[in-house]
Amino acid sequence: MNIALFGYGKMGRMIEKIAMERGHHIIARIDVGTTEIDYSEMDVAIDFSMPTAAFGNIKQCVENGVPIVSGTTGWLNDYDNAVAFCNEHKGAFIYASNFSLGVNIFFELNENLAKMMKKLEQYKVSLEEIHHTQKMDAPSGTAITLAEGIIANSRYKNWNLEQDRVDEITIVSKRVAEVPGTHIVDYESSVDNIAIKHTAHNREGFALGAVVAAEWIIGKTGVFSMRDVLNLG
């Protein structure tokens, strides 16, 4: 595949490495300051840019007939607009808060556990996420996805950042140097705790998942998720 990278920071460089190892070609590296973009040779685009740039990148790719995979977080106020634009132009688009194959299995475990805990009101759920100090958004997109998975399958109505409220999921965000990403879902009662945890050891898992998603989306039309890519139902 001919891949265009939107965003050429640490994730962009890791995606480049993984993609080339899998036999693909990086034909464009679009970053801050890029003024001219040629879409004609792109088979697919992978976006790990800035929150302020992601929606525009998605629109431009869809408009030019280029499938796009986006892992940028912090722009989701425009997600519904991106979906509508993609459907209107019969494009192809995948967004995931986290492309790690392991994290997407963790999402499924989280939803199943929420269903099991739904009627056990003695347990209060909370989330903790720990990332490197360069991460710009808080809470992480992955933590928000976990919270939304619990809300959809439980009595909880909303999530909040570091505030203890009834019927809301508290998310605690920590920033620690050189931590790729740790997420903990914890159910606490007066007698015990039940917790599930995912720890990323490096960024390679995120990069691999993004490349796998880019391989999968070729030839498809519509808006998809990693659940589709991994055939998780």
Protein backbone atom coordinates (compact mmCIF):
# COMPACT_ATOMS: atom_id res chain seq x y z
CA MET A 1 0.00 0.00 0.00
CA ASN A 2 0.96 3.62 -0.49
CA ILE A 3 0.40 5.23 2.91
CA ALA A 4 0.26 8.92 3.79
CA LEU A 5 1.06 9.87 7.37
CA PHE A 6 -0.77 12.88 8.82
CA GLY A 7 1.32 13.79 11.85
CA TYR A 8 4.97 12.81 12.00
CA GLY A 9 5.75 12.75 15.70
CA LYS A 10 6.69 9.70 17.75
CA MET A 11 3.59 7.77 16.70
CA GLY A 12 4.00 8.72 13.05
CA ARG A 13 7.59 7.48 13.05
CA MET A 14 6.61 4.23 14.77
CA ILE A 15 3.82 3.65 12.26
CA GLU A 16 6.30 4.29 9.45
CA LYS A 17 8.65 1.65 10.87
CA ILE A 18 5.90 -0.98 11.29
CA ALA A 19 4.36 -0.25 7.89
CA MET A 20 7.67 -0.59 6.07
CA GLU A 21 8.40 -3.85 7.89
CA ARG A 22 5.07 -5.11 6.53
CA GLY A 23 6.04 -4.19 2.97
CA HIS A 24 4.17 -0.89 2.58
CA HIS A 25 5.41 2.43 1.21
CA ILE A 26 5.23 5.80 2.96
CA ILE A 27 4.64 8.30 0.17
CA ALA A 28 3.80 11.41 2.24
CA ARG A 29 4.63 12.74 5.69
CA ILE A 30 2.29 15.63 6.43
CA ASP A 31 3.02 17.65 9.52
CA VAL A 32 2.82 21.19 10.87
CA GLY A 33 3.90 23.54 8.09
CA THR A 34 3.01 21.26 5.17
CA THR A 35 1.27 23.45 2.58
CA GLU A 36 0.80 21.22 -0.47
CA ILE A 37 -0.65 17.71 -0.36
CA ASP A 38 -0.95 15.36 -3.35
CA TYR A 39 -3.72 12.83 -2.72
CA SER A 40 -3.49 11.15 -6.13
CA GLU A 41 -1.08 8.34 -5.18
CA MET A 42 -2.44 7.61 -1.70
CA ASP A 43 -4.07 4.23 -1.09
CA VAL A 44 -4.81 5.09 2.55
CA ALA A 45 -4.01 7.75 5.14
CA ILE A 46 -3.17 7.29 8.82
CA ASP A 47 -3.79 10.31 11.04
CA PHE A 48 -2.00 10.84 14.35
CA SER A 49 -1.91 14.62 14.13
CA MET A 50 -3.18 17.38 16.44
CA PRO A 51 -6.73 17.71 17.82
CA THR A 52 -7.12 20.96 15.87
CA ALA A 53 -6.09 19.30 12.60
CA ALA A 54 -7.78 15.89 12.71
CA PHE A 55 -11.26 16.82 11.48
CA GLY A 56 -9.85 18.80 8.55
CA ASN A 57 -7.52 15.95 7.62
CA ILE A 58 -10.41 13.49 7.65
CA LYS A 59 -12.58 15.74 5.47
CA GLN A 60 -9.81 16.33 2.94
CA CYS A 61 -9.01 12.64 2.61
CA VAL A 62 -12.65 11.61 2.26
CA GLU A 63 -13.25 14.37 -0.27
CA ASN A 64 -10.31 13.10 -2.30
CA GLY A 65 -11.37 9.46 -2.17
CA VAL A 66 -8.66 8.37 0.27
CA PRO A 67 -9.67 5.99 3.12
CA ILE A 68 -8.44 7.34 6.42
CA VAL A 69 -7.63 5.79 9.79
CA SER A 70 -7.49 8.30 12.66
CA GLY A 71 -6.10 7.78 16.14
CA THR A 72 -5.94 11.46 17.11
CA THR A 73 -7.84 12.19 20.32
CA GLY A 74 -9.29 15.42 21.69
CA TRP A 75 -11.35 16.36 18.61
CA LEU A 76 -14.47 14.26 19.16
CA ASN A 77 -16.87 17.21 19.32
CA ASP A 78 -16.66 16.96 15.52
CA TYR A 79 -16.96 13.16 15.32
CA ASP A 80 -20.63 13.15 14.28
CA ASN A 81 -19.83 15.74 11.61
CA ALA A 82 -17.02 13.50 10.33
CA VAL A 83 -19.39 10.53 10.16
CA ALA A 84 -22.00 12.55 8.26
CA PHE A 85 -19.38 13.92 5.85
CA CYS A 86 -17.97 10.45 5.22
CA ASN A 87 -21.39 8.96 4.55
CA GLU A 88 -22.38 11.88 2.31
CA HIS A 89 -19.25 11.44 0.18
CA LYS A 90 -19.33 7.62 0.31
CA GLY A 91 -15.89 7.57 1.89
CA ALA A 92 -14.16 5.19 4.28
CA PHE A 93 -13.14 6.16 7.79
CA ILE A 94 -12.04 4.42 11.00
CA TYR A 95 -11.62 6.23 14.30
CA ALA A 96 -10.30 4.53 17.41
CA SER A 97 -9.25 6.06 20.69
CA ASN A 98 -6.69 3.28 20.85
CA PHE A 99 -5.57 0.98 18.02
CA SER A 100 -3.77 -1.51 20.24
CA LEU A 101 -5.11 -4.98 19.56
CA GLY A 102 -4.83 -5.78 23.28
CA VAL A 103 -6.71 -2.64 24.32
CA ASN A 104 -9.57 -3.48 22.00
CA ILE A 105 -9.85 -6.89 23.69
CA PHE A 106 -9.74 -4.96 26.99
CA PHE A 107 -12.70 -2.85 25.79
CA GLU A 108 -14.72 -6.03 25.32
CA LEU A 109 -13.75 -7.35 28.77
CA ASN A 110 -14.73 -3.99 30.26
CA GLU A 111 -18.22 -4.08 28.73
CA ASN A 112 -18.81 -7.67 29.78
CA LEU A 113 -17.68 -6.92 33.33
CA ALA A 114 -19.98 -3.88 33.45
CA LYS A 115 -22.94 -6.09 32.53
CA MET A 116 -22.02 -8.55 35.31
CA MET A 117 -21.68 -5.75 37.90
CA LYS A 118 -24.82 -3.85 36.90
CA LYS A 119 -27.05 -5.11 39.72
CA LEU A 120 -24.35 -5.14 42.40
CA GLU A 121 -24.93 -1.62 43.68
CA GLN A 122 -22.54 -2.06 46.61
CA TYR A 123 -19.67 -1.61 44.14
CA LYS A 124 -18.58 1.85 42.91
CA VAL A 125 -16.58 1.91 39.69
CA SER A 126 -13.72 4.29 38.93
CA LEU A 127 -11.08 4.58 36.21
CA GLU A 128 -7.43 5.51 36.35
CA GLU A 129 -5.26 6.31 33.34
CA ILE A 130 -1.52 7.00 33.37
CA HIS A 131 0.34 8.43 30.37
CA HIS A 132 3.57 10.19 29.46
CA THR A 133 3.89 13.88 30.27
CA GLN A 134 3.72 14.88 26.59
CA LYS A 135 0.13 13.67 26.22
CA MET A 136 -1.98 16.77 25.63
CA ASP A 137 -5.53 15.63 26.47
CA ALA A 138 -6.98 14.40 29.75
CA PRO A 139 -8.66 12.10 30.30
CA SER A 140 -7.28 9.90 27.56
CA GLY A 141 -9.51 8.89 24.68
CA THR A 142 -9.08 5.29 25.79
CA ALA A 143 -10.38 6.13 29.29
CA ILE A 144 -13.39 7.88 27.77
CA THR A 145 -14.10 4.82 25.59
CA LEU A 146 -13.89 2.60 28.69
CA ALA A 147 -16.26 4.92 30.58
CA GLU A 148 -18.72 4.97 27.69
CA GLY A 149 -18.60 1.17 27.56
CA ILE A 150 -19.55 1.01 31.24
CA ILE A 151 -22.29 3.64 30.88
CA ALA A 152 -23.89 1.71 28.01
CA ASN A 153 -24.07 -1.44 30.13
CA SER A 154 -24.77 -0.21 33.66
CA ARG A 155 -26.68 2.21 35.89
CA TYR A 156 -24.08 4.98 35.49
CA LYS A 157 -25.22 8.10 33.65
CA ASN A 158 -21.98 9.98 32.93
CA TRP A 159 -18.27 10.27 33.68
CA ASN A 160 -16.30 13.10 35.23
CA LEU A 161 -12.67 14.06 35.75
CA GLU A 162 -11.51 13.54 39.33
CA GLN A 163 -14.80 14.36 41.09
CA ASP A 164 -16.75 11.92 43.27
CA ARG A 165 -20.41 12.05 42.23
CA VAL A 166 -23.27 9.59 42.62
CA ASP A 167 -24.11 7.69 39.40
CA GLU A 168 -21.02 9.08 37.64
CA ILE A 169 -17.73 7.34 36.87
CA THR A 170 -14.71 9.13 38.28
CA ILE A 171 -11.69 9.17 35.96
CA VAL A 172 -8.29 9.97 37.49
CA SER A 173 -5.64 11.11 35.02
CA LYS A 174 -1.93 10.96 35.86
CA ARG A 175 1.01 12.11 33.76
CA VAL A 176 4.32 10.35 34.40
CA ALA A 177 7.44 10.52 32.23
CA GLU A 178 7.95 7.68 29.72
CA VAL A 179 4.69 5.82 30.44
CA PRO A 180 3.13 4.68 27.11
CA GLY A 181 -0.27 4.04 28.65
CA THR A 182 -1.88 2.24 31.59
CA HIS A 183 -5.64 1.91 32.20
CA ILE A 184 -7.31 0.45 35.28
CA VAL A 185 -11.03 -0.16 35.79
CA ASP A 186 -11.74 -0.67 39.49
CA TYR A 187 -14.93 -1.77 41.25
CA GLU A 188 -14.70 -1.10 45.00
CA SER A 189 -17.00 -2.16 47.82
CA SER A 190 -16.58 -2.14 51.60
CA VAL A 191 -15.38 -5.75 51.53
CA ASP A 192 -13.30 -6.10 48.35
CA ASN A 193 -12.12 -4.75 45.01
CA ILE A 194 -12.41 -6.17 41.50
CA ALA A 195 -10.09 -4.61 38.92
CA ILE A 196 -9.00 -5.14 35.32
CA LYS A 197 -5.87 -3.49 33.95
CA HIS A 198 -4.12 -2.97 30.63
CA THR A 199 -0.50 -1.85 30.52
CA ALA A 200 1.23 -0.89 27.28
CA HIS A 201 4.97 -1.57 27.30
CA ASN A 202 5.71 0.62 24.27
CA ARG A 203 4.02 2.33 21.30
CA GLU A 204 4.50 -0.58 18.91
CA GLY A 205 1.11 -2.08 19.76
CA PHE A 206 -0.66 1.17 18.86
CA ALA A 207 1.28 1.46 15.60
CA LEU A 208 0.68 -2.14 14.57
CA GLY A 209 -3.06 -1.83 15.17
CA ALA A 210 -3.23 1.35 13.07
CA VAL A 211 -1.43 -0.35 10.17
CA VAL A 212 -3.67 -3.44 10.46
CA ALA A 213 -6.72 -1.12 10.33
CA ALA A 214 -5.31 0.64 7.26
CA GLU A 215 -4.81 -2.72 5.53
CA TRP A 216 -8.38 -3.74 6.41
CA ILE A 217 -10.17 -0.58 5.21
CA ILE A 218 -8.89 -0.72 1.62
CA GLY A 219 -11.80 -1.24 -0.78
CA LYS A 220 -14.49 -0.55 1.83
CA THR A 221 -17.07 2.23 2.15
CA GLY A 222 -18.48 3.46 5.43
CA VAL A 223 -17.56 4.36 9.00
CA PHE A 224 -15.95 1.61 11.05
CA SER A 225 -14.27 0.85 14.36
CA MET A 226 -11.62 -1.56 15.59
CA ARG A 227 -14.45 -3.88 16.59
CA ASP A 228 -15.11 -4.29 12.85
CA VAL A 229 -11.42 -4.73 12.06
CA LEU A 230 -11.02 -7.45 14.68
CA ASN A 231 -14.42 -9.03 13.97
CA LEU A 232 -15.47 -8.74 17.61
CA GLY A 233 -19.18 -8.53 16.79
